[in-house]
N, C-alpha and C. Protein backbone atom coordinates (compact mmCIF):
# COMPACT_ATOMS: atom_id res chain seq x y z
N UNK A 1 116.06 101.19 100.45
CA UNK A 1 115.97 102.71 99.33
C UNK A 1 116.15 102.73 97.69
N UNK A 2 116.34 101.29 97.52
CA UNK A 2 116.30 101.06 96.45
C UNK A 2 115.14 100.77 95.85
N UNK A 3 114.27 100.16 96.30
CA UNK A 3 112.98 99.62 96.15
C UNK A 3 111.85 101.22 96.18
N UNK A 4 112.26 101.73 97.25
CA UNK A 4 111.55 102.69 96.43
C UNK A 4 111.67 103.99 95.51
N UNK A 5 112.66 104.23 95.68
CA UNK A 5 113.51 104.13 93.84
C UNK A 5 112.26 103.92 93.04
N UNK A 6 112.72 102.63 92.91
CA UNK A 6 111.59 101.92 91.69
C UNK A 6 110.18 102.29 91.83
N UNK A 7 110.11 102.56 92.68
CA UNK A 7 108.22 102.35 93.27
C UNK A 7 108.32 103.58 92.39
N UNK A 8 108.60 104.95 92.94
CA UNK A 8 108.66 105.87 92.41
C UNK A 8 108.80 106.32 91.54
N UNK A 9 110.10 105.48 90.62
CA UNK A 9 109.94 105.89 89.03
C UNK A 9 108.47 104.79 88.35
N UNK A 10 108.57 103.59 88.45
CA UNK A 10 107.61 103.40 88.32
C UNK A 10 106.10 104.30 88.02
N UNK A 11 105.25 104.71 88.59
CA UNK A 11 104.39 106.42 89.11
C UNK A 11 104.79 107.05 88.08
N UNK A 12 105.58 107.23 88.00
CA UNK A 12 106.31 108.49 87.25
C UNK A 12 106.06 108.37 85.61
N UNK A 13 106.63 107.43 85.67
CA UNK A 13 106.41 106.75 84.13
C UNK A 13 104.98 106.33 83.71
N UNK A 14 104.55 106.08 84.69
CA UNK A 14 102.91 105.80 84.59
C UNK A 14 101.95 106.96 84.29
N UNK A 15 102.41 107.83 85.20
CA UNK A 15 101.95 108.96 84.96
C UNK A 15 102.09 109.70 83.97
N UNK A 16 103.15 109.96 83.53
CA UNK A 16 103.59 110.56 81.78
C UNK A 16 102.85 109.50 80.91
N UNK A 17 103.20 108.61 80.98
CA UNK A 17 102.38 107.42 79.45
C UNK A 17 101.28 107.81 79.54
N UNK A 18 100.58 107.69 80.62
CA UNK A 18 98.78 108.45 80.95
C UNK A 18 98.02 109.18 80.52
N UNK A 19 99.68 110.26 80.63
CA UNK A 19 98.26 111.45 80.39
C UNK A 19 98.99 112.19 79.43
N UNK A 20 100.11 111.78 78.77
CA UNK A 20 100.73 113.12 77.77
C UNK A 20 100.33 112.64 76.62
N UNK A 21 99.78 111.78 76.43
CA UNK A 21 99.33 110.88 74.82
C UNK A 21 98.22 112.20 74.61
N UNK A 22 97.24 112.32 75.28
CA UNK A 22 96.40 113.20 75.20
C UNK A 22 96.54 114.84 75.63
N UNK A 23 97.37 114.78 75.84
CA UNK A 23 97.71 116.57 75.93
C UNK A 23 98.30 117.46 74.50
N UNK A 24 98.11 118.86 74.71
CA UNK A 24 98.92 119.10 73.38
C UNK A 24 100.39 119.16 73.54
N UNK A 25 101.32 118.53 74.30
CA UNK A 25 102.42 118.26 74.24
C UNK A 25 102.63 117.17 72.82
N UNK A 26 101.31 116.38 73.36
CA UNK A 26 101.67 115.49 72.09
C UNK A 26 101.51 115.07 70.37
N UNK A 27 100.33 116.42 70.56
CA UNK A 27 100.88 116.59 69.13
C UNK A 27 101.01 117.36 68.21
N UNK A 28 102.52 118.63 69.43
CA UNK A 28 103.56 119.31 68.80
C UNK A 28 104.51 118.80 69.05
N UNK A 29 105.00 117.70 68.67
CA UNK A 29 105.81 117.13 68.44
C UNK A 29 107.34 117.12 67.27
N UNK A 30 107.99 117.42 67.58
CA UNK A 30 109.05 117.15 66.59
C UNK A 30 108.96 116.56 65.34
N UNK A 31 109.11 114.90 66.18
CA UNK A 31 109.32 114.07 65.00
C UNK A 31 107.66 113.81 64.10
N UNK A 32 107.39 114.58 64.60
CA UNK A 32 105.58 113.85 63.62
C UNK A 32 105.58 115.56 62.73
N UNK A 33 106.27 116.74 63.07
CA UNK A 33 106.68 117.82 62.10
C UNK A 33 107.33 117.25 60.86
N UNK A 34 108.67 117.01 61.67
CA UNK A 34 109.54 116.52 60.45
C UNK A 34 109.12 115.09 59.37
N UNK A 35 108.36 114.23 59.92
CA UNK A 35 108.15 112.98 58.97
C UNK A 35 106.49 112.98 59.17
N UNK A 36 105.77 113.09 58.29
CA UNK A 36 104.48 113.39 58.20
C UNK A 36 103.78 112.21 58.71
N UNK A 37 104.14 111.05 57.28
CA UNK A 37 103.62 109.35 58.10
C UNK A 37 103.78 109.28 59.19
N UNK A 38 105.43 110.13 60.25
CA UNK A 38 104.78 109.27 62.11
C UNK A 38 103.89 109.68 62.43
N UNK A 39 103.50 111.45 62.02
CA UNK A 39 102.80 112.44 62.54
C UNK A 39 101.20 111.57 62.52
N UNK A 40 101.44 110.71 61.25
CA UNK A 40 99.80 110.43 60.80
C UNK A 40 99.63 109.22 62.18
N UNK A 41 100.63 108.25 62.29
CA UNK A 41 100.68 107.13 63.28
C UNK A 41 100.35 107.50 64.83
N UNK A 42 101.07 108.40 64.92
CA UNK A 42 101.42 109.51 66.34
C UNK A 42 99.92 109.72 67.22
N UNK A 43 99.37 110.67 65.89
CA UNK A 43 97.89 111.39 66.89
C UNK A 43 96.74 110.00 66.22
N UNK A 44 97.17 108.59 65.71
CA UNK A 44 96.07 107.72 65.98
C UNK A 44 95.69 107.64 67.58
N UNK A 45 94.50 107.60 67.67
CA UNK A 45 94.01 107.41 69.00
C UNK A 45 93.77 105.98 69.57
N UNK A 46 94.29 105.05 68.62
CA UNK A 46 94.59 103.94 69.03
C UNK A 46 95.85 103.50 69.19
N UNK A 47 97.37 104.12 68.70
CA UNK A 47 97.96 104.41 69.02
C UNK A 47 98.08 105.23 70.50
N UNK A 48 97.39 106.20 70.91
CA UNK A 48 97.52 106.71 72.34
C UNK A 48 97.11 106.15 73.17
N UNK A 49 95.96 105.44 72.70
CA UNK A 49 95.27 104.60 73.55
C UNK A 49 96.13 103.69 74.19
N UNK A 50 96.63 102.92 73.60
CA UNK A 50 98.24 101.75 73.64
C UNK A 50 98.94 102.14 74.58
N UNK A 51 99.64 103.29 73.91
CA UNK A 51 100.64 104.39 75.26
C UNK A 51 99.91 104.57 76.63
N UNK A 52 98.33 104.77 77.14
CA UNK A 52 98.26 105.08 77.55
C UNK A 52 97.98 104.01 78.39
N UNK A 53 97.61 102.33 78.17
CA UNK A 53 97.49 101.39 78.69
C UNK A 53 98.68 101.30 79.48
N UNK A 54 100.01 100.88 78.85
CA UNK A 54 101.11 101.18 79.00
C UNK A 54 101.28 101.65 80.38
N UNK A 55 101.15 103.04 80.69
CA UNK A 55 100.90 103.87 81.70
C UNK A 55 100.27 103.49 82.69
N UNK A 56 99.13 102.47 82.44
CA UNK A 56 98.22 102.11 83.65
C UNK A 56 98.99 101.06 83.96
N UNK A 57 99.51 100.02 83.05
CA UNK A 57 100.24 98.85 83.56
C UNK A 57 101.51 99.01 84.78
N UNK A 58 102.25 100.39 84.36
CA UNK A 58 102.85 101.25 84.94
C UNK A 58 102.63 101.20 85.98
N UNK A 59 101.46 102.33 86.48
CA UNK A 59 100.95 102.58 87.55
C UNK A 59 100.68 101.28 88.25
N UNK A 60 99.99 99.97 87.86
CA UNK A 60 99.45 98.90 88.51
C UNK A 60 100.86 98.89 88.82
N UNK A 61 101.81 97.91 88.41
CA UNK A 61 103.06 97.20 88.65
C UNK A 61 103.58 98.51 89.91
N UNK A 62 103.59 99.86 89.71
CA UNK A 62 103.96 100.55 91.14
C UNK A 62 102.73 100.56 92.63
N UNK A 63 101.65 100.15 92.33
CA UNK A 63 100.91 99.97 93.28
C UNK A 63 101.51 98.42 93.58
N UNK A 64 101.46 97.91 93.01
CA UNK A 64 101.44 96.59 93.37
C UNK A 64 103.19 96.63 94.32
N UNK A 65 103.75 97.16 93.93
CA UNK A 65 105.01 97.11 94.74
C UNK A 65 105.35 97.40 95.77
N UNK A 66 104.15 98.55 95.86
CA UNK A 66 104.14 99.52 97.50
C UNK A 66 103.30 98.54 98.23
N UNK A 67 102.16 98.05 97.53
CA UNK A 67 101.93 96.60 98.76
C UNK A 67 102.51 95.97 99.19
N UNK A 68 103.96 95.55 98.56
CA UNK A 68 104.07 94.38 98.42
C UNK A 68 105.38 94.75 99.55
N UNK A 69 106.32 96.28 99.75
CA UNK A 69 107.03 97.26 100.40
C UNK A 69 105.93 96.84 102.01
N UNK A 70 104.65 97.30 102.11
CA UNK A 70 103.86 97.42 103.36
C UNK A 70 103.67 96.06 103.83
N UNK A 71 103.37 95.41 103.25
CA UNK A 71 103.18 93.80 103.69
C UNK A 71 104.80 93.35 104.51
N UNK A 72 105.67 93.46 103.47
CA UNK A 72 107.43 93.30 103.74
C UNK A 72 107.17 93.75 104.66
N UNK A 73 106.80 95.04 105.48
CA UNK A 73 107.57 95.30 106.41
C UNK A 73 106.72 95.19 107.73
N UNK A 74 105.08 94.81 107.22
CA UNK A 74 104.30 94.64 108.53
C UNK A 74 104.83 92.72 108.94
N UNK A 75 105.40 92.02 108.02
CA UNK A 75 106.13 90.72 108.68
C UNK A 75 107.31 90.96 108.63
N UNK A 76 107.83 91.80 108.44
CA UNK A 76 109.19 91.93 109.77
C UNK A 76 109.36 91.78 110.96
N UNK A 77 108.41 92.44 111.87
CA UNK A 77 108.25 93.34 112.64
C UNK A 77 108.16 92.12 113.87
N UNK A 78 108.73 91.94 115.18
CA UNK A 78 108.73 91.12 115.89
C UNK A 78 107.69 90.51 115.97
N UNK A 79 107.52 88.93 116.71
CA UNK A 79 106.99 88.77 117.85
C UNK A 79 107.08 88.55 119.04
N UNK A 80 106.16 89.56 119.89
CA UNK A 80 106.28 89.24 121.04
C UNK A 80 107.10 87.75 121.89
N UNK A 81 107.70 87.21 122.49
CA UNK A 81 107.81 85.77 122.95
C UNK A 81 107.32 86.16 124.71
N UNK A 82 106.85 84.39 125.10
CA UNK A 82 106.78 85.20 126.66
C UNK A 82 108.26 85.12 127.58
N UNK A 83 109.15 84.77 127.31
CA UNK A 83 110.50 85.69 127.23
C UNK A 83 110.75 87.08 127.27
N UNK A 84 110.69 87.82 125.86
CA UNK A 84 110.75 89.03 125.64
C UNK A 84 109.81 89.94 126.64
N UNK A 85 108.68 89.47 126.80
CA UNK A 85 107.53 90.37 127.88
C UNK A 85 107.67 90.15 129.04
N UNK A 86 107.98 88.80 129.47
CA UNK A 86 108.47 89.30 130.83
C UNK A 86 109.09 89.72 131.56
N UNK A 87 110.68 89.89 130.91
CA UNK A 87 111.77 90.64 130.81
C UNK A 87 111.02 92.12 131.25
N UNK A 88 110.50 93.05 130.20
CA UNK A 88 110.02 93.88 130.26
C UNK A 88 109.31 94.63 131.09
N UNK A 89 109.10 93.25 132.56
CA UNK A 89 107.68 93.59 132.95
C UNK A 89 108.45 93.54 134.50
């Protein structure tokens, strides 16, 4: 359960970091309005791209964790032995 919550967290943070820098919410930032020099840095396309890159890294980590959960789940299934299959018949 804890691992699935981690995966959800990675996906949520990834989507937020990938999409928010290109939205109007990013431009209407309290700190950018208060500190003009910070506003110039935050609205720079290179900074937006860097934040989006971090979001894509989070999405990739979430996808890899999700794949590893499915692979581990598949490996945990018991293999039928001859003794088990003859007892079921």
